[in-house]
């Protein structure tokens, strides 16, 4: 089992390789039939421009990846993180949002029009996305920064949900060194900025 801080450093180093265009020969194609030992869980957005394995330059079997529009946490995502942590033993969980997030932009547009998740003419599934992201929207912020601030706030809220809503994850954090952190991927630069990380941090 790789400790959480060591796992976080592996992701940071992998992202540096990715940004520099020096990805290592880690994108293995062989099948892990008998076992898998992912060192991190990544809960990310479904956006096609944000594949965590490539962004962090990791190979097949290295990360347990859960993707949903807007990187929100519903009972399904919570259960998936719990399953991965208990079944395979990773001690790092990363919630990764990204710039230019369509789900965030759509939520802001919906709320700015005076609608709510309940009243908007959306499918039940899309209402769920708007409901979860909507709590992170602050229209009192600088209008030019509402999207970016919502993206970061939404990541922090998802991190908080994982930290507070699961007794399984609470116990793993208190007793077994689990870390649940946030991150924002800048799709224009390729750089991942880690946020809301417990101390101590690895530089």
C-alpha atoms as a PDB file:
ATOM      1  CA  UNK A   1       0.000   0.000   0.000  1.00  0.00           C
ATOM      2  CA  UNK A   2       1.397   3.399  -1.003  1.00  0.00           C
ATOM      3  CA  UNK A   3       0.924   6.119   1.666  1.00  0.00           C
ATOM      4  CA  UNK A   4      -1.270   9.057   0.695  1.00  0.00           C
ATOM      5  CA  UNK A   5       1.535  11.635   0.509  1.00  0.00           C
ATOM      6  CA  UNK A   6       3.648   9.360  -1.681  1.00  0.00           C
ATOM      7  CA  UNK A   7       0.666   8.787  -3.958  1.00  0.00           C
ATOM      8  CA  UNK A   8       0.081  12.542  -4.190  1.00  0.00           C
ATOM      9  CA  UNK A   9       3.716  13.075  -5.165  1.00  0.00           C
ATOM     10  CA  UNK A  10       3.408  10.444  -7.909  1.00  0.00           C
ATOM     11  CA  UNK A  11       0.474  12.363  -9.392  1.00  0.00           C
ATOM     12  CA  UNK A  12       2.324  15.674  -9.183  1.00  0.00           C
ATOM     13  CA  UNK A  13       5.401  14.253 -10.895  1.00  0.00           C
ATOM     14  CA  UNK A  14       3.259  12.604 -13.554  1.00  0.00           C
ATOM     15  CA  UNK A  15       1.495  15.891 -14.294  1.00  0.00           C
ATOM     16  CA  UNK A  16       4.875  17.619 -14.649  1.00  0.00           C
ATOM     17  CA  UNK A  17       5.881  15.006 -17.252  1.00  0.00           C
ATOM     18  CA  UNK A  18       2.567  15.497 -19.061  1.00  0.00           C
ATOM     19  CA  UNK A  19       2.875  19.299 -19.147  1.00  0.00           C
ATOM     20  CA  UNK A  20       6.474  19.050 -20.376  1.00  0.00           C
ATOM     21  CA  UNK A  21       5.504  16.628 -23.137  1.00  0.00           C
ATOM     22  CA  UNK A  22       7.754  13.997 -21.599  1.00  0.00           C
ATOM     23  CA  UNK A  23       5.220  11.332 -20.679  1.00  0.00           C
ATOM     24  CA  UNK A  24       6.906   8.154 -19.586  1.00  0.00           C
ATOM     25  CA  UNK A  25       6.218   4.728 -21.071  1.00  0.00           C
ATOM     26  CA  UNK A  26       3.540   4.098 -18.502  1.00  0.00           C
ATOM     27  CA  UNK A  27       0.443   3.718 -20.636  1.00  0.00           C
ATOM     28  CA  UNK A  28       0.618  -0.025 -20.521  1.00  0.00           C
ATOM     29  CA  UNK A  29      -1.824  -2.027 -22.570  1.00  0.00           C
ATOM     30  CA  UNK A  30      -1.497  -5.405 -20.927  1.00  0.00           C
ATOM     31  CA  UNK A  31      -4.486  -6.738 -19.038  1.00  0.00           C
ATOM     32  CA  UNK A  32      -4.455  -7.054 -15.256  1.00  0.00           C
ATOM     33  CA  UNK A  33      -6.560 -10.186 -15.137  1.00  0.00           C
ATOM     34  CA  UNK A  34      -5.818 -11.457 -11.670  1.00  0.00           C
ATOM     35  CA  UNK A  35      -5.560  -8.309  -9.594  1.00  0.00           C
ATOM     36  CA  UNK A  36      -5.391  -4.534  -9.505  1.00  0.00           C
ATOM     37  CA  UNK A  37      -3.634  -2.293  -7.014  1.00  0.00           C
ATOM     38  CA  UNK A  38      -4.499   1.333  -7.819  1.00  0.00           C
ATOM     39  CA  UNK A  39      -2.585   3.788  -5.648  1.00  0.00           C
ATOM     40  CA  UNK A  40      -5.164   6.578  -5.967  1.00  0.00           C
ATOM     41  CA  UNK A  41      -8.862   7.162  -6.554  1.00  0.00           C
ATOM     42  CA  UNK A  42      -9.725  10.059  -8.866  1.00  0.00           C
ATOM     43  CA  UNK A  43     -13.255  11.442  -9.005  1.00  0.00           C
ATOM     44  CA  UNK A  44     -13.280  13.647 -12.088  1.00  0.00           C
ATOM     45  CA  UNK A  45     -15.522  15.250 -14.650  1.00  0.00           C
ATOM     46  CA  UNK A  46     -16.737  13.310 -17.680  1.00  0.00           C
ATOM     47  CA  UNK A  47     -15.467  16.026 -20.038  1.00  0.00           C
ATOM     48  CA  UNK A  48     -13.639  14.361 -22.946  1.00  0.00           C
ATOM     49  CA  UNK A  49     -10.723  16.793 -22.563  1.00  0.00           C
ATOM     50  CA  UNK A  50      -9.899  15.680 -19.032  1.00  0.00           C
ATOM     51  CA  UNK A  51      -8.736  12.031 -18.944  1.00  0.00           C
ATOM     52  CA  UNK A  52      -7.055  11.574 -15.541  1.00  0.00           C
ATOM     53  CA  UNK A  53      -4.754   8.733 -16.630  1.00  0.00           C
ATOM     54  CA  UNK A  54      -3.213  10.947 -19.306  1.00  0.00           C
ATOM     55  CA  UNK A  55      -3.199  14.155 -17.265  1.00  0.00           C
ATOM     56  CA  UNK A  56      -1.253  12.385 -14.506  1.00  0.00           C
ATOM     57  CA  UNK A  57       0.756  10.179 -16.913  1.00  0.00           C
ATOM     58  CA  UNK A  58      -0.232   6.953 -15.207  1.00  0.00           C
ATOM     59  CA  UNK A  59      -0.753   3.488 -16.646  1.00  0.00           C
ATOM     60  CA  UNK A  60      -3.424   0.828 -16.712  1.00  0.00           C
ATOM     61  CA  UNK A  61      -4.256  -0.284 -13.175  1.00  0.00           C
ATOM     62  CA  UNK A  62      -2.599   2.702 -11.455  1.00  0.00           C
ATOM     63  CA  UNK A  63      -5.733   4.691 -10.616  1.00  0.00           C
ATOM     64  CA  UNK A  64      -9.360   3.893  -9.859  1.00  0.00           C
ATOM     65  CA  UNK A  65     -11.179   6.547 -11.884  1.00  0.00           C
ATOM     66  CA  UNK A  66     -14.783   7.660 -11.377  1.00  0.00           C
ATOM     67  CA  UNK A  67     -16.151  10.221 -13.815  1.00  0.00           C
ATOM     68  CA  UNK A  68     -19.381  12.206 -13.748  1.00  0.00           C
ATOM     69  CA  UNK A  69     -20.362  15.548 -15.274  1.00  0.00           C
ATOM     70  CA  UNK A  70     -19.302  18.310 -12.897  1.00  0.00           C
ATOM     71  CA  UNK A  71     -17.331  15.935 -10.607  1.00  0.00           C
ATOM     72  CA  UNK A  72     -20.247  15.954  -8.161  1.00  0.00           C
ATOM     73  CA  UNK A  73     -20.799  13.523  -5.298  1.00  0.00           C
ATOM     74  CA  UNK A  74     -24.092  11.637  -5.207  1.00  0.00           C
ATOM     75  CA  UNK A  75     -24.636   8.367  -3.299  1.00  0.00           C
ATOM     76  CA  UNK A  76     -23.360   6.472  -6.363  1.00  0.00           C
ATOM     77  CA  UNK A  77     -20.028   8.300  -6.459  1.00  0.00           C
ATOM     78  CA  UNK A  78     -19.707   8.055  -2.688  1.00  0.00           C
ATOM     79  CA  UNK A  79     -20.271   4.311  -2.825  1.00  0.00           C
ATOM     80  CA  UNK A  80     -17.790   3.933  -5.665  1.00  0.00           C
ATOM     81  CA  UNK A  81     -15.066   5.708  -3.679  1.00  0.00           C
ATOM     82  CA  UNK A  82     -15.847   3.583  -0.630  1.00  0.00           C
ATOM     83  CA  UNK A  83     -15.720   0.412  -2.738  1.00  0.00           C
ATOM     84  CA  UNK A  84     -12.339   1.289  -4.210  1.00  0.00           C
ATOM     85  CA  UNK A  85     -10.859   2.276  -0.853  1.00  0.00           C
ATOM     86  CA  UNK A  86     -12.025  -0.889   0.912  1.00  0.00           C
ATOM     87  CA  UNK A  87     -11.496  -3.373  -1.922  1.00  0.00           C
ATOM     88  CA  UNK A  88      -8.178  -2.188  -3.356  1.00  0.00           C
ATOM     89  CA  UNK A  89      -6.559  -0.131  -0.591  1.00  0.00           C
ATOM     90  CA  UNK A  90      -5.613   3.235  -2.155  1.00  0.00           C
ATOM     91  CA  UNK A  91      -5.146   5.885   0.495  1.00  0.00           C
ATOM     92  CA  UNK A  92      -5.384   8.958  -1.713  1.00  0.00           C
ATOM     93  CA  UNK A  93      -8.662  10.301  -3.130  1.00  0.00           C
ATOM     94  CA  UNK A  94      -8.557  13.246  -5.537  1.00  0.00           C
ATOM     95  CA  UNK A  95     -11.598  15.229  -6.651  1.00  0.00           C
ATOM     96  CA  UNK A  96     -10.534  16.901  -9.896  1.00  0.00           C
ATOM     97  CA  UNK A  97     -12.458  19.704 -11.554  1.00  0.00           C
ATOM     98  CA  UNK A  98     -11.261  21.651 -14.568  1.00  0.00           C
ATOM     99  CA  UNK A  99     -11.430  25.019 -16.266  1.00  0.00           C
ATOM    100  CA  UNK A 100     -14.100  25.652 -18.927  1.00  0.00           C
ATOM    101  CA  UNK A 101     -16.380  23.076 -17.305  1.00  0.00           C
ATOM    102  CA  UNK A 102     -19.570  22.796 -19.343  1.00  0.00           C
ATOM    103  CA  UNK A 103     -21.595  21.426 -16.448  1.00  0.00           C
ATOM    104  CA  UNK A 104     -20.651  24.408 -14.295  1.00  0.00           C
ATOM    105  CA  UNK A 105     -21.368  26.860 -17.107  1.00  0.00           C
ATOM    106  CA  UNK A 106     -24.769  25.272 -17.785  1.00  0.00           C
ATOM    107  CA  UNK A 107     -25.661  25.415 -14.094  1.00  0.00           C
ATOM    108  CA  UNK A 108     -24.750  29.105 -13.879  1.00  0.00           C
ATOM    109  CA  UNK A 109     -26.796  29.868 -16.992  1.00  0.00           C
ATOM    110  CA  UNK A 110     -29.791  28.015 -15.559  1.00  0.00           C
ATOM    111  CA  UNK A 111     -29.665  29.821 -12.226  1.00  0.00           C
ATOM    112  CA  UNK A 112     -28.944  33.200 -13.825  1.00  0.00           C
ATOM    113  CA  UNK A 113     -32.170  32.877 -15.811  1.00  0.00           C
ATOM    114  CA  UNK A 114     -34.120  32.784 -12.552  1.00  0.00           C
ATOM    115  CA  UNK A 115     -34.756  29.053 -12.586  1.00  0.00           C
ATOM    116  CA  UNK A 116     -33.815  26.510  -9.976  1.00  0.00           C
ATOM    117  CA  UNK A 117     -32.931  22.861 -10.324  1.00  0.00           C
ATOM    118  CA  UNK A 118     -36.510  22.028  -9.411  1.00  0.00           C
ATOM    119  CA  UNK A 119     -38.191  24.430 -11.831  1.00  0.00           C
ATOM    120  CA  UNK A 120     -35.850  24.152 -14.824  1.00  0.00           C
ATOM    121  CA  UNK A 121     -37.091  22.257 -17.867  1.00  0.00           C
ATOM    122  CA  UNK A 122     -34.459  19.549 -17.539  1.00  0.00           C
ATOM    123  CA  UNK A 123     -34.355  15.786 -17.210  1.00  0.00           C
ATOM    124  CA  UNK A 124     -34.217  14.340 -13.701  1.00  0.00           C
ATOM    125  CA  UNK A 125     -30.565  13.472 -14.176  1.00  0.00           C
ATOM    126  CA  UNK A 126     -29.609  16.968 -15.305  1.00  0.00           C
ATOM    127  CA  UNK A 127     -31.593  18.483 -12.425  1.00  0.00           C
ATOM    128  CA  UNK A 128     -29.372  16.462 -10.088  1.00  0.00           C
ATOM    129  CA  UNK A 129     -26.261  17.981 -11.633  1.00  0.00           C
ATOM    130  CA  UNK A 130     -27.630  21.527 -11.389  1.00  0.00           C
ATOM    131  CA  UNK A 131     -28.751  20.936  -7.809  1.00  0.00           C
ATOM    132  CA  UNK A 132     -25.315  19.757  -6.689  1.00  0.00           C
ATOM    133  CA  UNK A 133     -23.259  22.363  -8.547  1.00  0.00           C
ATOM    134  CA  UNK A 134     -25.747  25.145  -7.771  1.00  0.00           C
ATOM    135  CA  UNK A 135     -24.790  25.321  -4.102  1.00  0.00           C
ATOM    136  CA  UNK A 136     -21.324  26.459  -5.188  1.00  0.00           C
ATOM    137  CA  UNK A 137     -22.498  29.391  -7.328  1.00  0.00           C
ATOM    138  CA  UNK A 138     -21.997  32.882  -5.852  1.00  0.00           C
ATOM    139  CA  UNK A 139     -23.477  35.572  -8.078  1.00  0.00           C
ATOM    140  CA  UNK A 140     -22.129  38.246  -5.743  1.00  0.00           C
ATOM    141  CA  UNK A 141     -18.629  37.431  -6.937  1.00  0.00           C
ATOM    142  CA  UNK A 142     -16.954  39.376  -9.737  1.00  0.00           C
ATOM    143  CA  UNK A 143     -18.988  38.532 -12.834  1.00  0.00           C
ATOM    144  CA  UNK A 144     -15.841  37.728 -14.800  1.00  0.00           C
ATOM    145  CA  UNK A 145     -14.779  35.230 -12.167  1.00  0.00           C
ATOM    146  CA  UNK A 146     -18.077  33.470 -11.377  1.00  0.00           C
ATOM    147  CA  UNK A 147     -17.289  30.397 -13.490  1.00  0.00           C
ATOM    148  CA  UNK A 148     -13.753  29.926 -12.154  1.00  0.00           C
ATOM    149  CA  UNK A 149     -14.825  30.533  -8.561  1.00  0.00           C
ATOM    150  CA  UNK A 150     -17.697  28.082  -8.946  1.00  0.00           C
ATOM    151  CA  UNK A 151     -15.383  25.434 -10.396  1.00  0.00           C
ATOM    152  CA  UNK A 152     -13.097  25.647  -7.364  1.00  0.00           C
ATOM    153  CA  UNK A 153     -15.958  25.911  -4.860  1.00  0.00           C
ATOM    154  CA  UNK A 154     -17.626  22.887  -6.441  1.00  0.00           C
ATOM    155  CA  UNK A 155     -14.430  20.859  -6.032  1.00  0.00           C
ATOM    156  CA  UNK A 156     -14.169  21.904  -2.389  1.00  0.00           C
ATOM    157  CA  UNK A 157     -17.806  20.966  -1.775  1.00  0.00           C
ATOM    158  CA  UNK A 158     -17.286  17.539  -3.327  1.00  0.00           C
ATOM    159  CA  UNK A 159     -14.196  17.031  -1.166  1.00  0.00           C
ATOM    160  CA  UNK A 160     -16.231  18.036   1.888  1.00  0.00           C
ATOM    161  CA  UNK A 161     -18.979  15.590   0.950  1.00  0.00           C
ATOM    162  CA  UNK A 162     -16.513  12.709   0.768  1.00  0.00           C
ATOM    163  CA  UNK A 163     -14.860  13.725   4.042  1.00  0.00           C
ATOM    164  CA  UNK A 164     -18.096  14.146   5.982  1.00  0.00           C
ATOM    165  CA  UNK A 165     -20.786  11.885   4.513  1.00  0.00           C
ATOM    166  CA  UNK A 166     -19.083   8.498   4.693  1.00  0.00           C
ATOM    167  CA  UNK A 167     -18.207   6.799   7.952  1.00  0.00           C
ATOM    168  CA  UNK A 168     -16.053   4.395   5.947  1.00  0.00           C
ATOM    169  CA  UNK A 169     -13.898   7.236   4.628  1.00  0.00           C
ATOM    170  CA  UNK A 170     -13.891   9.036   7.981  1.00  0.00           C
ATOM    171  CA  UNK A 171     -12.516   5.907   9.657  1.00  0.00           C
ATOM    172  CA  UNK A 172      -9.899   5.381   6.932  1.00  0.00           C
ATOM    173  CA  UNK A 173      -8.818   9.006   7.298  1.00  0.00           C
ATOM    174  CA  UNK A 174      -8.573   8.871  11.081  1.00  0.00           C
ATOM    175  CA  UNK A 175      -7.127   5.399  11.426  1.00  0.00           C
ATOM    176  CA  UNK A 176      -5.298   4.551   8.228  1.00  0.00           C
ATOM    177  CA  UNK A 177      -3.824   7.742   6.784  1.00  0.00           C
ATOM    178  CA  UNK A 178      -6.303   8.368   3.973  1.00  0.00           C
ATOM    179  CA  UNK A 179      -6.162  11.815   2.343  1.00  0.00           C
ATOM    180  CA  UNK A 180      -9.027  13.340   0.351  1.00  0.00           C
ATOM    181  CA  UNK A 181      -7.879  16.361  -1.638  1.00  0.00           C
ATOM    182  CA  UNK A 182      -9.118  18.644  -4.397  1.00  0.00           C
ATOM    183  CA  UNK A 183      -7.552  19.624  -7.691  1.00  0.00           C
ATOM    184  CA  UNK A 184      -8.303  21.845 -10.666  1.00  0.00           C
ATOM    185  CA  UNK A 185      -6.940  20.990 -14.111  1.00  0.00           C
ATOM    186  CA  UNK A 186      -6.278  23.925 -16.424  1.00  0.00           C
ATOM    187  CA  UNK A 187      -7.105  22.653 -19.900  1.00  0.00           C
ATOM    188  CA  UNK A 188      -5.169  25.523 -21.521  1.00  0.00           C
ATOM    189  CA  UNK A 189      -1.861  24.752 -19.798  1.00  0.00           C
ATOM    190  CA  UNK A 190      -2.220  21.123 -18.729  1.00  0.00           C
ATOM    191  CA  UNK A 191      -1.267  22.018 -15.163  1.00  0.00           C
ATOM    192  CA  UNK A 192      -3.097  20.504 -12.196  1.00  0.00           C
ATOM    193  CA  UNK A 193      -3.303  22.681  -9.090  1.00  0.00           C
ATOM    194  CA  UNK A 194      -3.990  20.778  -5.880  1.00  0.00           C
ATOM    195  CA  UNK A 195      -6.254  22.526  -3.372  1.00  0.00           C
ATOM    196  CA  UNK A 196      -7.813  21.821   0.007  1.00  0.00           C
ATOM    197  CA  UNK A 197      -4.968  19.509   0.992  1.00  0.00           C
ATOM    198  CA  UNK A 198      -4.495  18.553   4.638  1.00  0.00           C
ATOM    199  CA  UNK A 199      -1.115  19.267   6.204  1.00  0.00           C
ATOM    200  CA  UNK A 200       1.611  18.274   5.763  1.00  0.00           C
ATOM    201  CA  UNK A 201       1.898  18.985   2.058  1.00  0.00           C
ATOM    202  CA  UNK A 202       4.576  17.613  -0.252  1.00  0.00           C
ATOM    203  CA  UNK A 203       6.124  20.341  -2.385  1.00  0.00           C
END
